Every structure is written in structure tokens, then in C-alpha cells.
C-alpha atoms as a PDB file:
ATOM      1  CA  MET A   1      20.278  22.085 -55.768  1.00  0.00           C
ATOM      2  CA  LYS A   2      17.512  20.307 -57.864  1.00  0.00           C
ATOM      3  CA  GLU A   3      14.491  18.501 -56.645  1.00  0.00           C
ATOM      4  CA  TYR A   4      13.583  14.892 -57.556  1.00  0.00           C
ATOM      5  CA  LEU A   5      10.371  13.053 -57.182  1.00  0.00           C
ATOM      6  CA  LEU A   6      10.758   9.423 -55.838  1.00  0.00           C
ATOM      7  CA  ILE A   7       7.629   7.544 -56.867  1.00  0.00           C
ATOM      8  CA  PHE A   8       6.972   4.118 -55.217  1.00  0.00           C
ATOM      9  CA  ARG A   9       5.190   1.567 -57.002  1.00  0.00           C
ATOM     10  CA  GLY A  10       4.394  -2.195 -56.300  1.00  0.00           C
ATOM     11  CA  GLY A  11       5.187  -4.195 -53.058  1.00  0.00           C
ATOM     12  CA  ASP A  12       1.562  -4.292 -52.108  1.00  0.00           C
ATOM     13  CA  THR A  13       1.183  -8.120 -52.687  1.00  0.00           C
ATOM     14  CA  GLU A  14       4.067  -8.908 -50.365  1.00  0.00           C
ATOM     15  CA  ARG A  15       2.896  -6.461 -47.632  1.00  0.00           C
ATOM     16  CA  LYS A  16      -0.512  -8.098 -47.622  1.00  0.00           C
ATOM     17  CA  GLN A  17       1.003 -11.342 -46.333  1.00  0.00           C
ATOM     18  CA  LEU A  18       2.901  -9.635 -43.380  1.00  0.00           C
ATOM     19  CA  SER A  19       1.833 -10.084 -39.827  1.00  0.00           C
ATOM     20  CA  PRO A  20       0.840  -6.984 -37.858  1.00  0.00           C
ATOM     21  CA  GLU A  21       4.365  -7.158 -36.133  1.00  0.00           C
ATOM     22  CA  GLN A  22       6.008  -7.252 -39.441  1.00  0.00           C
ATOM     23  CA  LEU A  23       3.882  -4.428 -40.816  1.00  0.00           C
ATOM     24  CA  GLN A  24       4.993  -2.338 -37.827  1.00  0.00           C
ATOM     25  CA  GLU A  25       8.593  -3.231 -38.643  1.00  0.00           C
ATOM     26  CA  GLU A  26       7.983  -2.226 -42.221  1.00  0.00           C
ATOM     27  CA  MET A  27       6.536   1.176 -41.167  1.00  0.00           C
ATOM     28  CA  LYS A  28       9.491   1.794 -38.840  1.00  0.00           C
ATOM     29  CA  SER A  29      12.000   1.170 -41.746  1.00  0.00           C
ATOM     30  CA  TRP A  30      10.092   3.707 -43.821  1.00  0.00           C
ATOM     31  CA  GLN A  31      10.153   6.270 -40.875  1.00  0.00           C
ATOM     32  CA  ASP A  32      13.854   5.641 -40.340  1.00  0.00           C
ATOM     33  CA  TRP A  33      14.752   5.991 -44.044  1.00  0.00           C
ATOM     34  CA  ILE A  34      12.803   9.236 -44.516  1.00  0.00           C
ATOM     35  CA  GLY A  35      14.071  10.496 -41.165  1.00  0.00           C
ATOM     36  CA  GLY A  36      17.635   9.890 -42.333  1.00  0.00           C
ATOM     37  CA  ILE A  37      16.790  11.839 -45.555  1.00  0.00           C
ATOM     38  CA  ALA A  38      15.320  14.689 -43.422  1.00  0.00           C
ATOM     39  CA  GLN A  39      18.525  14.857 -41.080  1.00  0.00           C
ATOM     40  CA  THR A  40      20.581  15.573 -44.108  1.00  0.00           C
ATOM     41  CA  GLY A  41      18.346  18.464 -45.246  1.00  0.00           C
ATOM     42  CA  LYS A  42      17.417  16.711 -48.393  1.00  0.00           C
ATOM     43  CA  PHE A  43      13.654  15.837 -47.645  1.00  0.00           C
ATOM     44  CA  GLY A  44      11.295  18.019 -49.517  1.00  0.00           C
ATOM     45  CA  GLY A  45       8.030  16.324 -48.426  1.00  0.00           C
ATOM     46  CA  GLY A  46       5.813  13.466 -49.486  1.00  0.00           C
ATOM     47  CA  HIS A  47       2.838  11.319 -48.784  1.00  0.00           C
ATOM     48  CA  PRO A  48       1.484   7.845 -49.155  1.00  0.00           C
ATOM     49  CA  LEU A  49      -1.522   7.489 -51.546  1.00  0.00           C
ATOM     50  CA  ALA A  50      -4.815   5.772 -50.891  1.00  0.00           C
ATOM     51  CA  PRO A  51      -5.244   2.623 -52.897  1.00  0.00           C
ATOM     52  CA  VAL A  52      -8.497   3.870 -54.427  1.00  0.00           C
ATOM     53  CA  GLY A  53      -9.407   6.965 -56.440  1.00  0.00           C
ATOM     54  CA  LYS A  54     -10.937   8.272 -59.582  1.00  0.00           C
ATOM     55  CA  VAL A  55      -9.587   8.438 -63.135  1.00  0.00           C
ATOM     56  CA  LEU A  56     -10.598  11.320 -65.513  1.00  0.00           C
ATOM     57  CA  SER A  57      -9.710  10.763 -69.116  1.00  0.00           C
ATOM     58  CA  GLY A  58     -10.066  12.065 -72.667  1.00  0.00           C
ATOM     59  CA  VAL A  59     -11.908  14.800 -74.240  1.00  0.00           C
ATOM     60  CA  ALA A  60     -15.145  13.562 -73.017  1.00  0.00           C
ATOM     61  CA  LYS A  61     -13.589  13.752 -69.468  1.00  0.00           C
ATOM     62  CA  LYS A  62     -14.940  10.319 -68.614  1.00  0.00           C
ATOM     63  CA  LEU A  63     -14.837   9.674 -64.922  1.00  0.00           C
ATOM     64  CA  THR A  64     -14.356   6.171 -63.664  1.00  0.00           C
ATOM     65  CA  ASP A  65     -13.298   4.368 -60.435  1.00  0.00           C
ATOM     66  CA  GLY A  66      -9.704   3.467 -60.171  1.00  0.00           C
ATOM     67  CA  PRO A  67      -6.981   2.935 -60.546  1.00  0.00           C
ATOM     68  CA  PHE A  68      -7.584  -0.704 -61.671  1.00  0.00           C
ATOM     69  CA  ILE A  69      -4.172  -1.765 -62.789  1.00  0.00           C
ATOM     70  CA  GLU A  70      -1.740  -4.563 -61.970  1.00  0.00           C
ATOM     71  CA  GLY A  71      -0.525  -4.359 -58.328  1.00  0.00           C
ATOM     72  CA  LYS A  72       3.021  -3.759 -59.411  1.00  0.00           C
ATOM     73  CA  GLU A  73       2.083  -0.635 -61.360  1.00  0.00           C
ATOM     74  CA  ILE A  74       0.000   1.031 -58.469  1.00  0.00           C
ATOM     75  CA  VAL A  75       1.496   4.278 -57.211  1.00  0.00           C
ATOM     76  CA  GLY A  76       1.705   3.853 -53.450  1.00  0.00           C
ATOM     77  CA  GLY A  77       3.273   7.221 -52.545  1.00  0.00           C
ATOM     78  CA  TYR A  78       6.082   9.569 -53.196  1.00  0.00           C
ATOM     79  CA  ILE A  79       8.587  11.969 -51.577  1.00  0.00           C
ATOM     80  CA  VAL A  80      10.601  14.827 -52.944  1.00  0.00           C
ATOM     81  CA  VAL A  81      14.341  14.847 -52.227  1.00  0.00           C
ATOM     82  CA  LYS A  82      16.913  17.629 -52.840  1.00  0.00           C
ATOM     83  CA  ALA A  83      20.071  16.523 -54.636  1.00  0.00           C
ATOM     84  CA  ASP A  84      22.643  17.885 -56.915  1.00  0.00           C
ATOM     85  CA  SER A  85      22.227  15.144 -59.679  1.00  0.00           C
ATOM     86  CA  ILE A  86      20.027  12.395 -60.615  1.00  0.00           C
ATOM     87  CA  GLU A  87      22.940  10.125 -59.445  1.00  0.00           C
ATOM     88  CA  GLU A  88      22.690  11.539 -56.019  1.00  0.00           C
ATOM     89  CA  ALA A  89      18.901  11.130 -55.959  1.00  0.00           C
ATOM     90  CA  THR A  90      19.388   7.427 -57.037  1.00  0.00           C
ATOM     91  CA  THR A  91      21.753   6.880 -54.214  1.00  0.00           C
ATOM     92  CA  VAL A  92      19.129   8.225 -51.793  1.00  0.00           C
ATOM     93  CA  ALA A  93      16.447   5.992 -53.488  1.00  0.00           C
ATOM     94  CA  GLU A  94      18.676   2.892 -52.962  1.00  0.00           C
ATOM     95  CA  GLY A  95      17.768   2.784 -49.295  1.00  0.00           C
ATOM     96  CA  CYS A  96      14.075   2.796 -49.900  1.00  0.00           C
ATOM     97  CA  PRO A  97      12.113   0.051 -48.097  1.00  0.00           C
ATOM     98  CA  ASN A  98      10.024  -0.481 -51.098  1.00  0.00           C
ATOM     99  CA  LEU A  99      13.052  -2.160 -52.679  1.00  0.00           C
ATOM    100  CA  ASN A 100      12.828  -4.838 -49.975  1.00  0.00           C
ATOM    101  CA  THR A 101      10.058  -6.497 -51.831  1.00  0.00           C
ATOM    102  CA  GLU A 102      10.310  -8.421 -55.198  1.00  0.00           C
ATOM    103  CA  SER A 103       7.781  -6.146 -57.096  1.00  0.00           C
ATOM    104  CA  GLY A 104       8.656  -2.881 -55.469  1.00  0.00           C
ATOM    105  CA  THR A 105      10.137   0.026 -57.578  1.00  0.00           C
ATOM    106  CA  VAL A 106      11.307   3.475 -57.144  1.00  0.00           C
ATOM    107  CA  GLU A 107      11.027   5.826 -60.159  1.00  0.00           C
ATOM    108  CA  ILE A 108      13.358   8.861 -59.947  1.00  0.00           C
ATOM    109  CA  ARG A 109      12.260  11.904 -61.881  1.00  0.00           C
ATOM    110  CA  GLU A 110      13.765  15.467 -61.734  1.00  0.00           C
ATOM    111  CA  ILE A 111      11.149  18.163 -60.998  1.00  0.00           C
ATOM    112  CA  GLY A 112      11.106  20.606 -63.796  1.00  0.00           C
ATOM    113  CA  THR A 113       9.936  24.258 -63.755  1.00  0.00           C
ATOM    114  CA  MET A 114       6.901  25.741 -65.342  1.00  0.00           C
ATOM    115  CA  THR A 115       7.450  28.684 -67.722  1.00  0.00           C
ATOM    116  CA  ALA A 116       4.874  31.217 -68.563  1.00  0.00           C
ATOM    117  CA  MET A 117       3.339  30.797 -72.093  1.00  0.00           C
END
């Protein structure tokens, strides 16, 4: 079985407009979705990400505050799922609550292995 990284982007604009009750429902839908994956033994971990951080770039290793990108591009979190194929991982991703927003996306990437040089 392979591991796939599901990366969640966007959806923040729509979530900022939700009432506290709606936000609570949103959190429950995430818990239910991830709980369902865990019950199948296919959940490999994951975390939400804070909206602020630092960006280190280039040879000069310039450090700036960030990320300052368009809302739909902000990575909000990730989970690792275990699946036999990218098609199976995609099927798991289809239930993601992030897809209940117009700007929400889920990027599905197979996790590779590091080889010694």
C-alpha cells in the first residue's frame, strides 16, 4: 500500500463568513470525514496549518514573513492516506469538506521514498 498526501488549499474566504454555529458544523464535518478514513485503517496522520509563517528563499536565504499569496492558494493543512492507487486516494479525497466551498481544493500527491546518494 502506498501513502498519499492530501493538501488542502483555499476555502478560507467562505469560512470567514460563517457563524460560530456553522463553523462548529464545519469542524464536525472534518472530524467525521477524517474519522471515517481512520476507521478504514487508511489514515496516516495530518494537521491543520497556521495561516502565518516565514518564507526562506534563494541562495541568499532571504527570510520574509508569509505566506502572502492569494487566499485560494494558501495551504490550510494536510493529511496522509494509505491507498493502493492514486485513483483510490482520489476517491477518499472526494469526501473532503474543503470541496464544499467554491475555492477549496485538494491536491493528491503520492509520497515518494528517499534514496541514499
